Amino acid sequence: MDASTAGRRPWPHEPAAMDAEAFRSASTRILAAINTVIDGKAEAAQLALTVLLAQGHLLLEDVPGVGKTLLAKTLARTIDCTVSRIQFTPDLLPSDVTGVSIYNQATRSFEFRHGAVFANIVIGDEINRASAKTQSALLECMEEHQVTVDGTSYRLDEPFMVVATQNPIEMEGTYPLPEAQRDRFMARISMGYPDRESEMEMLETHQASSPLARVTAVVTAAEVAAMILTVQQVYVSRSIKEYTVALGRATRESGLLRLGASPRSMLQLLRAAKATAALDGRDFVLPDDVVSVAEAVLAHRIILDRKAASVGETPQSVIRAIIAKIPVTPEVAASAGRPRRGQAPAMAAEPSKQPNPR
């Protein structure tokens, strides 16, 4: 058990892993439901589902009006589980998020009133409009899946996922998220504007009523639990782990960055790669799975050096450059697959043949 899963509350019913056909059917239903509402953002829908199955948290960042909250609400409605929404404002208090102990005069004792965070999927709208004190109320919830009030810890139900939206920090009335808060989010998505055809389709179909009103649950919480367990059983070879570590260490050694990727981000990168492999119909991780999610998982965690920022570098461009600098060797690609029954897992090549992490 790694640090990202330690201390979590057990599932209400012990789930069993899905077979490949059931997993494909369930994921297809979820993505189809999301894509009926969010026009032209199939990649964003895919990544949102990837984060859910990898037991991570999702940060949606972009200018107002591009569908950030709509994507969060749609994902929540596709699952038959508890959902809560928190509108973050400058006057929001930590107790509004976590809950508070109230004295009951009838029983002459304190009773804990649950806050909005006690749900399977928590939608945090405009999270960077709240103060740092309120934002910090989510740190324990997101990492340890529990809330501690007045010395008593209360476990959160599983599955638990925070889907937060935020506007760019240059906009009025926003506060930049602290590094510790950003590091809790497995992935960040920038929605972007839809293309012309998708925007025309939105004008044609979204005028009379919101398409969100027609979205119903297509999977149960038990099915999501089974899908998560299926992802956990995806095989990762040693060579893939070494390739992942090489990417992370390269960010810490890059002269373009003041802050590289954390060890926590390596755990989350690998978990996201496992979910990507499962959604692609495989029970083992390939290097392409790691590469496909590396930008979304790592870019929001790193901080550019001022000189790099002044010449037009971005976190995304740095990640892409690091990926290009650390090629996937034939040995890594060949040893990525699941070993046959009775064989030891394929090992990585000799150190002299490994990609240079610099």
Protein backbone atom coordinates (compact mmCIF):
# COMPACT_ATOMS: atom_id res chain seq x y z
CA MET A 1 0.00 0.00 0.00
CA ASP A 2 1.49 3.36 -1.04
CA ALA A 3 1.05 6.73 0.59
CA SER A 4 -1.74 7.64 -1.80
CA THR A 5 -4.00 4.80 -0.66
CA ALA A 6 -3.06 4.39 3.01
CA GLY A 7 -5.78 5.03 5.56
CA ARG A 8 -8.70 5.05 3.19
CA ARG A 9 -12.10 3.93 4.34
CA PRO A 10 -13.02 0.44 3.10
CA TRP A 11 -15.58 0.09 0.35
CA PRO A 12 -19.14 -0.56 1.61
CA HIS A 13 -19.03 -3.88 -0.26
CA GLU A 14 -15.81 -5.57 -1.27
CA PRO A 15 -15.64 -5.07 -5.06
CA ALA A 16 -14.54 -7.68 -7.56
CA ALA A 17 -12.55 -6.80 -10.66
CA MET A 18 -14.43 -6.60 -13.95
CA ASP A 19 -13.71 -8.66 -17.02
CA ALA A 20 -12.52 -6.82 -20.10
CA GLU A 21 -15.91 -6.70 -21.82
CA ALA A 22 -17.76 -5.36 -18.77
CA PHE A 23 -15.07 -2.74 -18.20
CA ARG A 24 -15.23 -1.61 -21.83
CA SER A 25 -19.01 -1.44 -21.73
CA ALA A 26 -19.11 0.64 -18.54
CA SER A 27 -16.43 3.09 -19.69
CA THR A 28 -18.12 3.49 -23.07
CA ARG A 29 -21.43 4.37 -21.39
CA ILE A 30 -19.77 7.00 -19.19
CA LEU A 31 -17.90 8.63 -22.07
CA ALA A 32 -20.97 8.58 -24.32
CA ALA A 33 -23.03 10.32 -21.64
CA ILE A 34 -20.39 13.01 -21.14
CA ASN A 35 -19.91 13.61 -24.86
CA THR A 36 -23.64 14.23 -25.36
CA VAL A 37 -23.28 17.29 -23.13
CA ILE A 38 -19.73 18.54 -23.73
CA ASP A 39 -19.34 19.20 -27.45
CA GLY A 40 -15.92 18.72 -29.04
CA LYS A 41 -14.06 17.83 -25.83
CA ALA A 42 -13.65 14.06 -26.09
CA GLU A 43 -10.05 14.22 -24.80
CA ALA A 44 -11.15 16.14 -21.70
CA ALA A 45 -13.88 13.58 -21.04
CA GLN A 46 -11.39 10.73 -21.44
CA LEU A 47 -8.93 12.30 -19.02
CA ALA A 48 -11.68 13.02 -16.47
CA LEU A 49 -12.66 9.34 -16.51
CA THR A 50 -9.00 8.34 -16.29
CA VAL A 51 -8.56 10.39 -13.12
CA LEU A 52 -11.72 8.93 -11.59
CA LEU A 53 -10.57 5.34 -12.20
CA ALA A 54 -7.07 6.14 -10.93
CA GLN A 55 -8.57 7.45 -7.65
CA GLY A 56 -7.22 10.93 -8.20
CA HIS A 57 -8.60 14.46 -8.17
CA LEU A 58 -9.14 16.69 -11.20
CA LEU A 59 -8.47 20.41 -11.67
CA LEU A 60 -10.27 22.16 -14.55
CA GLU A 61 -8.62 25.48 -15.38
CA ASP A 62 -9.65 28.01 -17.98
CA VAL A 63 -11.50 31.26 -18.59
CA PRO A 64 -15.20 31.47 -17.62
CA GLY A 65 -17.84 30.04 -19.91
CA VAL A 66 -15.98 27.19 -21.61
CA GLY A 67 -17.73 24.32 -19.79
CA LYS A 68 -15.56 23.58 -16.77
CA THR A 69 -18.40 23.27 -14.27
CA LEU A 70 -20.59 21.55 -16.88
CA LEU A 71 -17.98 18.82 -17.35
CA ALA A 72 -17.70 18.33 -13.58
CA LYS A 73 -21.48 18.11 -13.16
CA THR A 74 -21.86 15.74 -16.11
CA LEU A 75 -19.22 13.34 -14.80
CA ALA A 76 -20.93 13.36 -11.40
CA ARG A 77 -24.36 12.64 -12.87
CA THR A 78 -23.19 9.63 -14.86
CA ILE A 79 -22.52 7.77 -11.60
CA ASP A 80 -25.21 6.71 -9.16
CA CYS A 81 -23.51 8.05 -6.04
CA THR A 82 -23.62 11.03 -3.70
CA VAL A 83 -22.61 14.40 -5.14
CA SER A 84 -22.11 17.79 -3.50
CA ARG A 85 -21.16 21.18 -4.88
CA ILE A 86 -19.22 23.90 -3.09
CA GLN A 87 -19.19 27.42 -4.48
CA PHE A 88 -15.90 28.86 -3.29
CA THR A 89 -16.08 32.54 -2.35
CA PRO A 90 -13.79 34.83 -0.31
CA ASP A 91 -16.07 34.53 2.74
CA LEU A 92 -16.28 30.70 2.70
CA LEU A 93 -15.04 29.18 5.96
CA PRO A 94 -13.15 25.90 6.45
CA SER A 95 -16.06 24.59 8.56
CA ASP A 96 -18.38 25.09 5.57
CA VAL A 97 -16.25 22.52 3.76
CA THR A 98 -15.39 19.99 6.45
CA GLY A 99 -18.22 20.36 8.96
CA VAL A 100 -18.50 21.64 12.54
CA SER A 101 -19.29 20.37 16.03
CA ILE A 102 -22.48 21.90 17.45
CA TYR A 103 -23.62 21.71 21.05
CA ASN A 104 -26.98 19.96 21.46
CA GLN A 105 -28.73 21.30 24.52
CA ALA A 106 -31.17 18.37 24.62
CA THR A 107 -28.44 15.75 24.89
CA ARG A 108 -25.88 18.10 26.48
CA SER A 109 -23.21 16.93 24.10
CA PHE A 110 -21.51 18.07 20.92
CA GLU A 111 -22.73 16.65 17.63
CA PHE A 112 -20.77 16.71 14.40
CA ARG A 113 -22.59 18.22 11.43
CA HIS A 114 -21.09 16.95 8.20
CA GLY A 115 -19.79 19.49 5.72
CA ALA A 116 -20.18 19.52 1.96
CA VAL A 117 -17.05 17.43 1.47
CA PHE A 118 -18.88 14.30 2.69
CA ALA A 119 -19.87 12.93 -0.72
CA ASN A 120 -18.47 10.56 -3.30
CA ILE A 121 -17.87 13.33 -5.83
CA VAL A 122 -17.28 16.87 -4.61
CA ILE A 123 -17.48 19.69 -7.16
CA GLY A 124 -15.46 22.70 -6.04
CA ASP A 125 -16.50 25.60 -8.24
CA GLU A 126 -13.96 28.43 -8.66
CA ILE A 127 -11.73 26.99 -5.97
CA ASN A 128 -9.17 29.79 -6.28
CA ARG A 129 -11.68 32.44 -5.20
CA ALA A 130 -11.46 31.24 -1.60
CA SER A 131 -8.76 32.25 0.84
CA ALA A 132 -5.71 30.06 1.48
CA LYS A 133 -7.17 29.13 4.89
CA THR A 134 -10.30 27.66 3.30
CA GLN A 135 -8.34 25.99 0.51
CA SER A 136 -6.20 24.26 3.13
CA ALA A 137 -9.33 22.59 4.52
CA LEU A 138 -9.21 20.29 1.50
CA LEU A 139 -5.63 19.11 2.01
CA GLU A 140 -6.42 16.34 4.50
CA CYS A 141 -9.60 15.39 2.65
CA MET A 142 -7.86 14.91 -0.67
CA GLU A 143 -4.76 13.12 0.58
CA GLU A 144 -6.00 11.00 3.51
CA HIS A 145 -9.72 10.79 2.67
CA GLN A 146 -10.71 11.90 6.14
CA VAL A 147 -11.74 15.02 8.07
CA THR A 148 -10.41 15.88 11.53
CA VAL A 149 -12.51 18.24 13.67
CA ASP A 150 -11.90 18.87 17.38
CA GLY A 151 -9.45 15.99 17.57
CA THR A 152 -11.82 13.42 16.03
CA SER A 153 -11.26 11.98 12.55
CA TYR A 154 -14.17 11.10 10.28
CA ARG A 155 -13.57 8.88 7.25
CA LEU A 156 -14.96 9.83 3.85
CA ASP A 157 -16.87 7.36 1.71
CA GLU A 158 -15.29 5.62 -1.25
CA PRO A 159 -15.03 6.35 -4.08
CA PHE A 160 -14.03 9.93 -3.30
CA MET A 161 -13.05 12.46 -5.93
CA VAL A 162 -12.72 16.24 -5.93
CA VAL A 163 -13.39 17.92 -9.27
CA ALA A 164 -12.40 21.58 -8.92
CA THR A 165 -12.63 24.43 -11.38
CA GLN A 166 -10.55 27.58 -11.33
CA ASN A 167 -10.13 30.71 -13.40
CA PRO A 168 -6.69 31.94 -14.45
CA ILE A 169 -4.93 33.70 -11.59
CA GLU A 170 -4.65 36.89 -13.65
CA MET A 171 -8.42 37.39 -13.31
CA GLU A 172 -9.78 39.74 -10.65
CA GLY A 173 -10.67 38.25 -7.27
CA THR A 174 -8.65 35.04 -7.55
CA TYR A 175 -5.87 33.60 -5.38
CA PRO A 176 -3.17 31.28 -6.73
CA LEU A 177 -3.40 27.77 -5.33
CA PRO A 178 -0.51 26.87 -3.01
CA GLU A 179 1.97 24.31 -4.30
CA ALA A 180 0.76 21.76 -1.73
CA GLN A 181 -2.81 22.19 -2.97
CA ARG A 182 -1.89 21.83 -6.65
CA ASP A 183 0.13 18.72 -5.88
CA ARG A 184 -3.01 17.03 -4.51
CA PHE A 185 -4.64 17.14 -7.94
CA MET A 186 -3.70 14.21 -10.13
CA ALA A 187 -4.29 16.07 -13.39
CA ARG A 188 -5.15 19.49 -14.72
CA ILE A 189 -7.21 20.13 -17.84
CA SER A 190 -7.44 23.37 -19.75
CA MET A 191 -10.75 23.18 -21.59
CA GLY A 192 -10.08 25.73 -24.31
CA TYR A 193 -12.63 27.10 -26.75
CA PRO A 194 -14.60 24.62 -28.90
CA ASP A 195 -14.00 24.47 -32.63
CA ARG A 196 -16.46 26.08 -35.03
CA GLU A 197 -18.49 22.94 -35.70
CA SER A 198 -18.83 22.12 -31.99
CA GLU A 199 -19.86 25.68 -31.18
CA MET A 200 -22.51 25.60 -33.93
CA GLU A 201 -23.78 22.28 -32.57
CA MET A 202 -24.00 23.82 -29.10
CA LEU A 203 -26.10 26.71 -30.42
CA GLU A 204 -28.39 24.26 -32.21
CA THR A 205 -29.01 21.88 -29.30
CA HIS A 206 -28.49 23.81 -26.06
CA GLN A 207 -30.94 26.69 -26.48
CA ALA A 208 -34.24 25.17 -25.40
CA SER A 209 -32.92 23.39 -22.31
CA SER A 210 -29.69 22.35 -20.71
CA PRO A 211 -28.48 18.95 -21.95
CA LEU A 212 -27.43 18.23 -18.38
CA ALA A 213 -31.09 17.79 -17.47
CA ARG A 214 -31.24 14.69 -19.68
CA VAL A 215 -28.17 13.02 -18.19
CA THR A 216 -28.89 10.06 -15.94
CA ALA A 217 -26.64 7.64 -14.10
CA VAL A 218 -25.22 5.00 -16.42
CA VAL A 219 -23.13 3.12 -13.82
CA THR A 220 -23.53 2.43 -10.13
CA ALA A 221 -21.06 3.17 -7.36
CA ALA A 222 -20.43 -0.58 -7.11
CA GLU A 223 -19.52 -0.72 -10.80
CA VAL A 224 -17.13 2.20 -10.35
CA ALA A 225 -15.54 0.35 -7.42
CA ALA A 226 -15.08 -2.71 -9.65
CA MET A 227 -13.57 -0.59 -12.42
CA ILE A 228 -11.13 0.99 -9.96
CA LEU A 229 -10.07 -2.45 -8.73
CA THR A 230 -9.58 -3.55 -12.34
CA VAL A 231 -7.25 -0.59 -12.91
CA GLN A 232 -5.31 -1.40 -9.75
CA GLN A 233 -4.56 -4.88 -11.13
CA VAL A 234 -3.03 -3.58 -14.36
CA TYR A 235 0.55 -4.83 -14.59
CA VAL A 236 3.48 -2.40 -14.58
CA SER A 237 6.91 -3.74 -15.51
CA ARG A 238 10.09 -2.60 -13.81
CA SER A 239 11.25 -0.94 -17.02
CA ILE A 240 8.13 1.25 -17.08
CA LYS A 241 8.72 2.26 -13.46
CA GLU A 242 12.31 3.18 -14.27
CA TYR A 243 11.16 5.21 -17.27
CA THR A 244 8.64 7.04 -15.07
CA VAL A 245 11.30 7.81 -12.47
CA ALA A 246 13.62 9.08 -15.20
CA LEU A 247 10.99 11.58 -16.32
CA GLY A 248 10.44 12.80 -12.77
CA ARG A 249 14.14 13.16 -11.98
CA ALA A 250 14.69 15.02 -15.24
CA THR A 251 12.25 17.72 -14.13
CA ARG A 252 14.19 18.18 -10.88
CA GLU A 253 17.50 18.47 -12.74
CA SER A 254 16.26 20.77 -15.49
CA GLY A 255 17.78 24.24 -15.57
CA LEU A 256 14.47 25.62 -16.83
CA LEU A 257 12.61 24.79 -13.62
CA ARG A 258 12.73 26.13 -10.07
CA LEU A 259 10.58 23.25 -8.81
CA GLY A 260 10.42 19.79 -10.33
CA ALA A 261 7.89 17.00 -9.99
CA SER A 262 7.35 15.55 -6.51
CA PRO A 263 7.57 11.85 -5.59
CA ARG A 264 3.78 11.95 -5.10
CA SER A 265 3.42 12.97 -8.73
CA MET A 266 5.34 9.87 -9.80
CA LEU A 267 2.83 7.67 -7.97
CA GLN A 268 -0.04 9.51 -9.58
CA LEU A 269 1.54 9.45 -13.03
CA LEU A 270 1.84 5.68 -12.85
CA ARG A 271 -1.73 5.28 -11.57
CA ALA A 272 -3.02 7.46 -14.40
CA ALA A 273 -1.02 5.39 -16.90
CA LYS A 274 -2.60 2.21 -15.52
CA ALA A 275 -6.08 3.68 -15.99
CA THR A 276 -5.15 4.74 -19.52
CA ALA A 277 -4.03 1.21 -20.33
CA ALA A 278 -7.26 -0.27 -18.94
CA LEU A 279 -9.38 2.14 -20.98
CA ASP A 280 -7.39 1.09 -24.03
CA GLY A 281 -8.30 -2.55 -23.38
CA ARG A 282 -4.94 -3.72 -21.99
CA ASP A 283 -3.94 -5.21 -18.64
CA PHE A 284 -0.37 -3.90 -18.82
CA VAL A 285 1.17 -0.44 -19.17
CA LEU A 286 3.12 0.70 -22.23
CA PRO A 287 5.48 3.68 -22.39
CA ASP A 288 2.90 5.48 -24.53
CA ASP A 289 0.45 5.32 -21.61
CA VAL A 290 2.89 7.23 -19.43
CA VAL A 291 3.65 9.76 -22.16
CA SER A 292 -0.03 10.36 -22.96
CA VAL A 293 -0.83 11.57 -19.44
CA ALA A 294 2.55 13.07 -18.45
CA GLU A 295 1.68 16.63 -19.48
CA ALA A 296 -1.67 16.66 -17.70
CA VAL A 297 -0.23 15.10 -14.54
CA LEU A 298 3.07 16.99 -14.26
CA ALA A 299 2.68 20.44 -15.84
CA HIS A 300 0.68 22.02 -13.00
CA ARG A 301 3.16 20.78 -10.37
CA ILE A 302 6.33 22.33 -11.75
CA ILE A 303 7.45 25.97 -11.52
CA LEU A 304 9.38 27.65 -14.30
CA ASP A 305 12.61 29.51 -13.76
CA ARG A 306 12.11 33.22 -14.39
CA LYS A 307 14.56 33.27 -17.28
CA ALA A 308 12.78 30.37 -18.94
CA ALA A 309 9.43 32.09 -18.55
CA SER A 310 10.81 35.31 -20.01
CA VAL A 311 11.82 33.57 -23.24
CA GLY A 312 8.40 31.99 -23.75
CA GLU A 313 8.83 28.58 -22.15
CA THR A 314 5.77 27.02 -20.51
CA PRO A 315 5.44 24.05 -18.14
CA GLN A 316 3.87 22.11 -21.00
CA SER A 317 6.74 22.84 -23.38
CA VAL A 318 9.30 21.80 -20.75
CA ILE A 319 7.51 18.49 -20.17
CA ARG A 320 7.37 17.83 -23.91
CA ALA A 321 11.08 18.61 -24.24
CA ILE A 322 11.95 16.23 -21.39
CA ILE A 323 9.87 13.46 -22.96
CA ALA A 324 11.67 14.02 -26.28
CA LYS A 325 15.05 13.95 -24.54
CA ILE A 326 14.37 10.60 -22.83
CA PRO A 327 13.50 8.27 -25.70
CA VAL A 328 11.86 4.91 -25.16
CA THR A 329 14.56 2.37 -25.90
CA PRO A 330 13.70 -0.92 -27.65
CA GLU A 331 14.56 -2.71 -24.40
CA VAL A 332 11.96 -0.70 -22.45
CA ALA A 333 9.29 -1.21 -25.09
CA ALA A 334 9.99 -4.94 -25.34
CA SER A 335 9.83 -5.52 -21.58
CA ALA A 336 6.66 -3.49 -20.96
CA GLY A 337 4.17 -6.30 -21.59
CA ARG A 338 2.78 -8.67 -18.99
CA PRO A 339 5.04 -11.72 -18.52
CA ARG A 340 3.68 -15.10 -19.38
CA ARG A 341 2.49 -17.38 -16.59
CA GLY A 342 5.43 -19.06 -14.91
CA GLN A 343 7.91 -16.44 -16.09
CA ALA A 344 9.50 -13.70 -14.05
CA PRO A 345 8.57 -10.14 -15.00
CA ALA A 346 10.73 -8.73 -17.74
CA MET A 347 13.51 -6.63 -16.33
CA ALA A 348 14.82 -3.37 -17.70
CA ALA A 349 17.99 -3.22 -19.71
CA GLU A 350 21.38 -2.79 -18.14
CA PRO A 351 22.02 0.67 -16.62
CA SER A 352 24.33 1.58 -19.49
CA LYS A 353 21.46 1.11 -21.92
CA GLN A 354 18.87 3.06 -19.93
CA PRO A 355 17.69 6.52 -20.99
CA ASN A 356 19.78 9.31 -19.57
CA PRO A 357 17.52 11.17 -17.10
CA ARG A 358 19.38 14.40 -17.62
